Amino acid sequence: MRKLFLLAISSVMFFSASKAQNINEGNFHFGAGLTGANFSFSDKTFIGISVDGGYFIMDNWAIGGVVGVSHYDSETAFSILANASYYFLETDTGVLFGRFGTGADREVGLTSFVMDITAGYSFFITDKIAIEPTAGFFIPFKSGRDASFNLGVGFSLYF
């Protein structure tokens, strides 16, 4: 029984350590996400998809970018953002992160400066693949566009 207990503790430590190595300086992450639950200050229906990537410039800190497309009722918008992410509160199954991004959003006849503030959790299903539920605010700075609170989910590869 003692050997089984030591094996279980060693396994947990090994897998926890291997997950922590994915958010260290010099590593990359790439992912794709879907946003569908949108709580905006208007009555528009929303769905969005995005791809993102980043480079860990130091342990727990990544810089990167996001390219996305959103569909609001009959309008389609394209966005490109640069972002910075901080990973904290590591657990046995993953790590919480916060992300701040800024960039441009373009829909027919309107280009906006935008900010995106997101929090999420990287739930590692393997040592390199994570499912990432997120919640965040998307804030355009142009009249005619509404800020929104979004819920989403994505997959990311860490290496």
Protein backbone atom coordinates (compact mmCIF):
# COMPACT_ATOMS: atom_id res chain seq x y z
CA MET A 1 0.00 0.00 0.00
CA ARG A 2 2.87 2.35 0.81
CA LYS A 3 4.45 1.75 -2.61
CA LEU A 4 1.13 2.47 -4.33
CA PHE A 5 0.79 5.73 -2.37
CA LEU A 6 4.35 6.80 -3.30
CA LEU A 7 3.70 5.93 -6.95
CA ALA A 8 0.52 8.03 -6.95
CA ILE A 9 2.29 11.02 -5.36
CA SER A 10 5.20 10.72 -7.83
CA SER A 11 2.80 10.56 -10.78
CA VAL A 12 0.92 13.67 -9.67
CA MET A 13 4.20 15.55 -9.20
CA PHE A 14 5.48 14.42 -12.62
CA PHE A 15 2.32 15.39 -14.50
CA SER A 16 2.00 18.68 -12.62
CA ALA A 17 5.60 19.54 -13.42
CA SER A 18 5.20 18.65 -17.10
CA LYS A 19 2.15 20.91 -17.37
CA ALA A 20 3.98 23.80 -15.68
CA GLN A 21 6.78 23.56 -18.26
CA ASN A 22 4.36 24.58 -21.02
CA ILE A 23 4.04 28.14 -19.71
CA ASN A 24 7.76 28.77 -19.34
CA GLU A 25 9.99 31.18 -21.21
CA GLY A 26 10.72 30.13 -24.80
CA ASN A 27 7.56 28.07 -25.35
CA PHE A 28 4.73 28.73 -27.83
CA HIS A 29 0.97 28.28 -27.83
CA PHE A 30 -1.48 28.17 -30.74
CA GLY A 31 -5.23 27.80 -30.56
CA ALA A 32 -8.69 28.29 -31.98
CA GLY A 33 -11.87 29.32 -30.25
CA LEU A 34 -15.61 29.76 -30.61
CA THR A 35 -17.63 32.48 -28.91
CA GLY A 36 -21.37 32.06 -28.92
CA ALA A 37 -22.86 33.31 -25.68
CA ASN A 38 -22.84 37.07 -26.09
CA PHE A 39 -24.38 39.45 -23.63
CA SER A 40 -24.15 42.81 -25.36
CA PHE A 41 -25.89 46.04 -24.70
CA SER A 42 -28.04 45.46 -27.78
CA ASP A 43 -30.36 42.73 -29.02
CA LYS A 44 -28.07 41.40 -31.77
CA THR A 45 -27.36 37.67 -32.08
CA PHE A 46 -23.63 36.94 -32.07
CA ILE A 47 -21.21 34.13 -32.95
CA GLY A 48 -17.48 34.41 -33.45
CA ILE A 49 -14.47 32.26 -34.27
CA SER A 50 -10.82 33.08 -33.79
CA VAL A 51 -7.29 31.76 -34.06
CA ASP A 52 -4.53 32.89 -31.77
CA GLY A 53 -0.89 32.31 -31.00
CA GLY A 54 1.74 33.48 -28.60
CA TYR A 55 5.30 33.23 -27.37
CA PHE A 56 6.29 33.05 -23.70
CA ILE A 57 8.75 35.90 -23.24
CA MET A 58 9.27 34.83 -19.61
CA ASP A 59 7.74 32.29 -17.25
CA ASN A 60 3.94 32.78 -17.10
CA TRP A 61 4.00 35.79 -19.52
CA ALA A 62 3.11 35.44 -23.21
CA ILE A 63 2.70 37.98 -26.00
CA GLY A 64 0.83 37.17 -29.16
CA GLY A 65 -2.04 37.94 -31.42
CA VAL A 66 -5.59 37.00 -32.38
CA VAL A 67 -7.39 37.06 -35.72
CA GLY A 68 -11.13 36.62 -35.62
CA VAL A 69 -14.38 36.89 -37.51
CA SER A 70 -17.73 37.67 -35.87
CA HIS A 71 -21.26 37.58 -37.20
CA TYR A 72 -23.89 39.91 -35.69
CA ASP A 73 -27.33 39.30 -37.18
CA SER A 74 -26.68 40.38 -40.80
CA GLU A 75 -23.27 42.05 -40.21
CA THR A 76 -19.85 40.40 -40.34
CA ALA A 77 -16.81 41.91 -38.62
CA PHE A 78 -13.12 41.00 -38.85
CA SER A 79 -10.66 41.75 -36.07
CA ILE A 80 -6.92 41.59 -35.45
CA LEU A 81 -5.46 42.18 -32.01
CA ALA A 82 -2.10 42.07 -30.27
CA ASN A 83 -2.28 40.75 -26.72
CA ALA A 84 -0.41 39.95 -23.53
CA SER A 85 -1.33 37.02 -21.28
CA TYR A 86 -0.43 36.23 -17.70
CA TYR A 87 -0.83 32.67 -16.36
CA PHE A 88 -1.33 32.25 -12.61
CA LEU A 89 -2.89 30.03 -9.92
CA GLU A 90 -1.67 26.74 -11.34
CA THR A 91 -3.62 23.64 -10.29
CA ASP A 92 -3.18 19.92 -10.86
CA THR A 93 -5.28 20.08 -14.05
CA GLY A 94 -4.39 23.47 -15.51
CA VAL A 95 -3.82 27.15 -14.95
CA LEU A 96 -5.89 30.35 -14.82
CA PHE A 97 -4.95 33.16 -17.18
CA GLY A 98 -5.79 36.77 -17.85
CA ARG A 99 -5.39 38.39 -21.26
CA PHE A 100 -5.47 41.99 -22.46
CA GLY A 101 -5.59 42.75 -26.18
CA THR A 102 -5.93 45.80 -28.36
CA GLY A 103 -6.28 46.22 -32.11
CA ALA A 104 -8.73 46.92 -34.90
CA ASP A 105 -12.19 45.63 -35.81
CA ARG A 106 -13.62 46.11 -39.31
CA GLU A 107 -17.15 45.70 -40.55
CA VAL A 108 -18.82 47.20 -43.61
CA GLY A 109 -18.00 50.90 -43.66
CA LEU A 110 -16.71 51.03 -40.07
CA THR A 111 -13.26 50.46 -38.57
CA SER A 112 -12.96 50.59 -34.79
CA PHE A 113 -10.15 50.59 -32.29
CA VAL A 114 -11.01 47.77 -29.87
CA MET A 115 -9.95 46.39 -26.49
CA ASP A 116 -10.45 42.84 -25.28
CA ILE A 117 -10.12 41.84 -21.62
CA THR A 118 -10.47 38.09 -21.04
CA ALA A 119 -10.05 35.58 -18.21
CA GLY A 120 -9.92 31.85 -18.72
CA TYR A 121 -8.69 28.49 -17.56
CA SER A 122 -6.33 26.22 -19.52
CA PHE A 123 -7.53 22.73 -18.64
CA PHE A 124 -4.80 20.37 -19.86
CA ILE A 125 -6.20 17.11 -21.25
CA THR A 126 -2.62 16.09 -22.16
CA ASP A 127 0.67 17.76 -21.36
CA LYS A 128 0.43 19.81 -24.60
CA ILE A 129 -3.31 20.15 -25.37
CA ALA A 130 -5.69 22.33 -23.37
CA ILE A 131 -9.41 23.11 -23.46
CA GLU A 132 -9.88 26.77 -22.57
CA PRO A 133 -13.23 28.15 -21.38
CA THR A 134 -13.15 31.96 -21.33
CA ALA A 135 -15.17 34.99 -20.28
CA GLY A 136 -14.37 38.52 -21.34
CA PHE A 137 -15.31 42.02 -22.38
CA PHE A 138 -14.96 43.22 -25.98
CA ILE A 139 -15.00 47.02 -26.13
CA PRO A 140 -15.11 48.93 -29.46
CA PHE A 141 -14.37 52.65 -29.39
CA LYS A 142 -16.57 53.86 -32.25
CA SER A 143 -20.13 55.06 -32.27
CA GLY A 144 -22.61 52.51 -33.58
CA ARG A 145 -20.87 49.53 -31.95
CA ASP A 146 -21.81 48.05 -28.59
CA ALA A 147 -19.51 46.63 -25.92
CA SER A 148 -20.21 43.02 -25.05
CA PHE A 149 -19.57 40.35 -22.44
CA ASN A 150 -18.67 37.07 -24.14
CA LEU A 151 -18.42 33.42 -23.09
CA GLY A 152 -16.40 31.04 -25.23
CA VAL A 153 -14.40 27.86 -25.44
CA GLY A 154 -11.27 26.96 -27.37
CA PHE A 155 -8.49 24.45 -27.82
CA SER A 156 -4.81 25.30 -27.55
CA LEU A 157 -1.53 23.52 -28.22
CA TYR A 158 1.41 24.33 -25.95
CA PHE A 159 4.98 23.44 -26.93
